[in-house]
Amino acid sequence: MIQVCCTAGMSFRLAGGSTMLLKRASGLRIVCHAGTLWISEYRRFDDSVLQAGDSVTVGSDRDVVLSGLPDAQVALISQELCKASFG
């Protein structure tokens, strides 16, 4: 597992089969610039699927898992730092 710290405006490609874990992601805006992105928030029953141009802001302090379907270009926008893990 690789852990990185991200800053406001971090952008990356999430290839199919790859996942990213965002720890305590409250207030983080997740933007899908290209492809399709699956988002699952810990202990929530409804997942989100974003298409290019869509975004969502995490409203709780729970962990969030991101995955490309099959891949996605993603940006994370926040005023604060977040910790992310790739698996």
N, C-alpha and C. Protein backbone atom coordinates (compact mmCIF):
# COMPACT_ATOMS: atom_id res chain seq x y z
N MET A 1 0.84 -1.17 0.00
CA MET A 1 0.00 0.00 0.00
C MET A 1 0.89 1.24 0.00
N ILE A 2 0.53 2.20 -0.82
CA ILE A 2 1.25 3.47 -0.91
C ILE A 2 0.39 4.54 -0.26
N GLN A 3 0.96 5.34 0.61
CA GLN A 3 0.24 6.45 1.22
C GLN A 3 0.83 7.75 0.73
N VAL A 4 -0.03 8.68 0.37
CA VAL A 4 0.40 10.00 -0.07
C VAL A 4 -0.42 11.06 0.65
N CYS A 5 0.12 12.23 0.75
CA CYS A 5 -0.65 13.38 1.23
C CYS A 5 -0.99 14.21 0.00
N CYS A 6 -2.21 14.64 -0.09
CA CYS A 6 -2.60 15.42 -1.25
C CYS A 6 -2.91 16.85 -0.83
N THR A 7 -2.77 17.74 -1.78
CA THR A 7 -3.05 19.14 -1.55
C THR A 7 -4.22 19.56 -2.41
N ALA A 8 -4.73 20.74 -2.18
CA ALA A 8 -5.86 21.24 -2.94
C ALA A 8 -5.56 21.20 -4.43
N GLY A 9 -6.48 20.64 -5.20
CA GLY A 9 -6.33 20.59 -6.64
C GLY A 9 -5.55 19.42 -7.19
N MET A 10 -5.24 18.44 -6.35
CA MET A 10 -4.51 17.26 -6.81
C MET A 10 -5.32 16.54 -7.89
N SER A 11 -4.66 16.15 -8.99
CA SER A 11 -5.32 15.46 -10.08
C SER A 11 -4.53 14.21 -10.44
N PHE A 12 -5.23 13.14 -10.80
CA PHE A 12 -4.56 11.88 -11.11
C PHE A 12 -5.48 11.00 -11.95
N ARG A 13 -4.90 9.97 -12.56
CA ARG A 13 -5.66 8.97 -13.32
C ARG A 13 -5.80 7.74 -12.44
N LEU A 14 -7.01 7.24 -12.33
CA LEU A 14 -7.29 6.04 -11.56
C LEU A 14 -7.65 4.94 -12.55
N ALA A 15 -6.71 4.03 -12.79
CA ALA A 15 -6.89 2.97 -13.78
C ALA A 15 -7.90 1.93 -13.28
N GLY A 16 -8.52 1.22 -14.22
CA GLY A 16 -9.45 0.16 -13.89
C GLY A 16 -8.80 -0.87 -12.99
N GLY A 17 -9.51 -1.33 -11.98
CA GLY A 17 -8.97 -2.31 -11.05
C GLY A 17 -8.19 -1.68 -9.90
N SER A 18 -7.88 -0.39 -10.01
CA SER A 18 -7.17 0.31 -8.94
C SER A 18 -8.18 0.96 -8.01
N THR A 19 -7.82 1.07 -6.76
CA THR A 19 -8.67 1.75 -5.81
C THR A 19 -7.84 2.78 -5.05
N MET A 20 -8.53 3.73 -4.48
CA MET A 20 -7.89 4.75 -3.65
C MET A 20 -8.75 4.92 -2.41
N LEU A 21 -8.12 4.89 -1.25
CA LEU A 21 -8.82 5.09 0.01
C LEU A 21 -8.50 6.49 0.52
N LEU A 22 -9.54 7.28 0.74
CA LEU A 22 -9.39 8.61 1.31
C LEU A 22 -9.81 8.54 2.76
N LYS A 23 -8.90 8.83 3.67
CA LYS A 23 -9.18 8.77 5.10
C LYS A 23 -9.83 10.07 5.56
N ARG A 24 -10.91 9.94 6.31
CA ARG A 24 -11.60 11.09 6.90
C ARG A 24 -11.70 12.25 5.92
N ALA A 25 -12.53 12.06 4.91
CA ALA A 25 -12.56 12.95 3.74
C ALA A 25 -13.58 14.08 3.83
N SER A 26 -14.02 14.43 5.01
CA SER A 26 -15.04 15.47 5.17
C SER A 26 -14.68 16.76 4.45
N GLY A 27 -15.63 17.28 3.67
CA GLY A 27 -15.44 18.54 2.97
C GLY A 27 -14.67 18.44 1.67
N LEU A 28 -14.14 17.27 1.36
CA LEU A 28 -13.37 17.08 0.14
C LEU A 28 -14.31 17.03 -1.07
N ARG A 29 -14.01 17.78 -2.09
CA ARG A 29 -14.77 17.73 -3.34
C ARG A 29 -14.05 16.81 -4.30
N ILE A 30 -14.76 15.83 -4.83
CA ILE A 30 -14.21 14.84 -5.76
C ILE A 30 -14.80 15.14 -7.13
N VAL A 31 -13.93 15.39 -8.11
CA VAL A 31 -14.37 15.76 -9.46
C VAL A 31 -13.89 14.70 -10.44
N CYS A 32 -14.80 14.24 -11.31
CA CYS A 32 -14.44 13.32 -12.39
C CYS A 32 -14.27 14.15 -13.66
N HIS A 33 -13.02 14.25 -14.16
CA HIS A 33 -12.76 15.02 -15.37
C HIS A 33 -12.94 14.19 -16.64
N ALA A 34 -12.72 12.87 -16.55
CA ALA A 34 -12.86 11.99 -17.71
C ALA A 34 -13.14 10.58 -17.22
N GLY A 35 -13.81 9.79 -18.04
CA GLY A 35 -14.12 8.42 -17.67
C GLY A 35 -15.29 8.33 -16.70
N THR A 36 -15.29 7.25 -15.92
CA THR A 36 -16.35 7.01 -14.95
C THR A 36 -15.72 6.64 -13.62
N LEU A 37 -16.22 7.21 -12.54
CA LEU A 37 -15.66 7.02 -11.21
C LEU A 37 -16.72 6.50 -10.25
N TRP A 38 -16.39 5.42 -9.55
CA TRP A 38 -17.26 4.84 -8.52
C TRP A 38 -16.77 5.31 -7.16
N ILE A 39 -17.69 5.78 -6.31
CA ILE A 39 -17.36 6.29 -4.99
C ILE A 39 -18.20 5.58 -3.95
N SER A 40 -17.54 5.02 -2.94
CA SER A 40 -18.24 4.35 -1.85
C SER A 40 -17.78 4.93 -0.53
N GLU A 41 -18.74 5.42 0.26
CA GLU A 41 -18.44 6.00 1.56
C GLU A 41 -18.73 4.97 2.65
N TYR A 42 -17.80 4.80 3.58
CA TYR A 42 -17.92 3.80 4.65
C TYR A 42 -19.25 3.95 5.40
N ARG A 43 -19.95 2.82 5.54
CA ARG A 43 -21.22 2.73 6.26
C ARG A 43 -22.37 3.51 5.64
N ARG A 44 -22.31 3.74 4.33
CA ARG A 44 -23.44 4.33 3.60
C ARG A 44 -23.95 3.28 2.64
N PHE A 45 -25.24 3.26 2.47
CA PHE A 45 -25.85 2.24 1.61
C PHE A 45 -25.88 2.65 0.14
N ASP A 46 -25.80 3.95 -0.11
CA ASP A 46 -25.85 4.41 -1.49
C ASP A 46 -24.47 4.86 -1.96
N ASP A 47 -24.01 4.24 -3.04
CA ASP A 47 -22.75 4.62 -3.66
C ASP A 47 -23.04 5.67 -4.73
N SER A 48 -21.99 6.32 -5.20
CA SER A 48 -22.13 7.31 -6.27
C SER A 48 -21.31 6.87 -7.46
N VAL A 49 -21.82 7.16 -8.66
CA VAL A 49 -21.08 6.94 -9.89
C VAL A 49 -21.05 8.28 -10.62
N LEU A 50 -19.84 8.78 -10.84
CA LEU A 50 -19.67 10.07 -11.52
C LEU A 50 -19.19 9.86 -12.94
N GLN A 51 -19.73 10.66 -13.85
CA GLN A 51 -19.28 10.72 -15.23
C GLN A 51 -18.45 11.98 -15.40
N ALA A 52 -17.79 12.12 -16.53
CA ALA A 52 -16.97 13.31 -16.80
C ALA A 52 -17.80 14.57 -16.57
N GLY A 53 -17.25 15.49 -15.79
CA GLY A 53 -17.93 16.74 -15.48
C GLY A 53 -18.71 16.73 -14.18
N ASP A 54 -18.95 15.56 -13.62
CA ASP A 54 -19.68 15.44 -12.36
C ASP A 54 -18.75 15.62 -11.17
N SER A 55 -19.32 16.03 -10.04
CA SER A 55 -18.55 16.13 -8.81
C SER A 55 -19.45 15.86 -7.61
N VAL A 56 -18.83 15.55 -6.49
CA VAL A 56 -19.56 15.34 -5.24
C VAL A 56 -18.66 15.85 -4.11
N THR A 57 -19.29 16.39 -3.08
CA THR A 57 -18.56 16.82 -1.89
C THR A 57 -18.89 15.89 -0.76
N VAL A 58 -17.88 15.35 -0.10
CA VAL A 58 -18.08 14.40 1.00
C VAL A 58 -18.60 15.18 2.21
N GLY A 59 -19.74 14.74 2.72
CA GLY A 59 -20.38 15.48 3.81
C GLY A 59 -20.10 14.94 5.19
N SER A 60 -19.39 13.84 5.30
CA SER A 60 -19.11 13.26 6.61
C SER A 60 -17.61 13.06 6.76
N ASP A 61 -17.20 12.66 7.94
CA ASP A 61 -15.78 12.43 8.21
C ASP A 61 -15.42 10.96 8.04
N ARG A 62 -16.18 10.25 7.22
CA ARG A 62 -15.94 8.82 6.99
C ARG A 62 -14.89 8.61 5.91
N ASP A 63 -14.36 7.39 5.87
CA ASP A 63 -13.44 7.00 4.81
C ASP A 63 -14.22 6.80 3.51
N VAL A 64 -13.57 7.07 2.38
CA VAL A 64 -14.18 6.96 1.07
C VAL A 64 -13.26 6.15 0.17
N VAL A 65 -13.84 5.23 -0.61
CA VAL A 65 -13.09 4.44 -1.58
C VAL A 65 -13.47 4.90 -2.98
N LEU A 66 -12.45 5.13 -3.82
CA LEU A 66 -12.65 5.51 -5.21
C LEU A 66 -12.15 4.39 -6.11
N SER A 67 -12.82 4.19 -7.24
CA SER A 67 -12.38 3.20 -8.22
C SER A 67 -12.82 3.65 -9.61
N GLY A 68 -11.95 3.46 -10.60
CA GLY A 68 -12.30 3.78 -11.98
C GLY A 68 -13.14 2.67 -12.59
N LEU A 69 -14.11 3.05 -13.43
CA LEU A 69 -14.98 2.08 -14.11
C LEU A 69 -14.91 2.27 -15.62
N PRO A 70 -14.01 1.84 -16.41
CA PRO A 70 -12.82 1.12 -16.01
C PRO A 70 -11.70 2.03 -15.55
N ASP A 71 -11.72 3.32 -15.98
CA ASP A 71 -10.72 4.24 -15.47
C ASP A 71 -11.31 5.64 -15.42
N ALA A 72 -10.62 6.53 -14.70
CA ALA A 72 -11.14 7.89 -14.55
C ALA A 72 -9.99 8.86 -14.31
N GLN A 73 -10.19 10.09 -14.76
CA GLN A 73 -9.29 11.19 -14.42
C GLN A 73 -9.99 11.96 -13.31
N VAL A 74 -9.33 12.07 -12.17
CA VAL A 74 -9.97 12.56 -10.95
C VAL A 74 -9.20 13.75 -10.39
N ALA A 75 -9.93 14.70 -9.80
CA ALA A 75 -9.31 15.80 -9.07
C ALA A 75 -9.91 15.82 -7.67
N LEU A 76 -9.07 16.11 -6.68
CA LEU A 76 -9.50 16.27 -5.30
C LEU A 76 -9.30 17.74 -4.94
N ILE A 77 -10.37 18.37 -4.48
CA ILE A 77 -10.31 19.79 -4.18
C ILE A 77 -10.70 20.01 -2.73
N SER A 78 -9.78 20.60 -1.96
CA SER A 78 -10.01 20.84 -0.55
C SER A 78 -9.11 21.97 -0.06
N GLN A 79 -9.53 22.64 0.97
CA GLN A 79 -8.69 23.66 1.60
C GLN A 79 -7.72 23.02 2.56
N GLU A 80 -8.02 21.80 3.00
CA GLU A 80 -7.20 21.12 3.97
C GLU A 80 -6.46 19.95 3.32
N LEU A 81 -5.46 19.42 3.98
CA LEU A 81 -4.74 18.24 3.50
C LEU A 81 -5.56 17.00 3.80
N CYS A 82 -5.40 15.98 2.98
CA CYS A 82 -6.04 14.70 3.24
C CYS A 82 -5.00 13.61 3.07
N LYS A 83 -5.26 12.45 3.65
CA LYS A 83 -4.37 11.31 3.46
C LYS A 83 -5.05 10.32 2.54
N ALA A 84 -4.31 9.80 1.59
CA ALA A 84 -4.85 8.86 0.63
C ALA A 84 -3.96 7.63 0.58
N SER A 85 -4.59 6.48 0.35
CA SER A 85 -3.85 5.23 0.22
C SER A 85 -4.24 4.56 -1.08
N PHE A 86 -3.26 4.07 -1.82
CA PHE A 86 -3.53 3.35 -3.06
C PHE A 86 -3.35 1.86 -2.82
N GLY A 87 -4.26 1.04 -3.37
CA GLY A 87 -4.12 -0.40 -3.22
C GLY A 87 -4.35 -1.13 -4.50
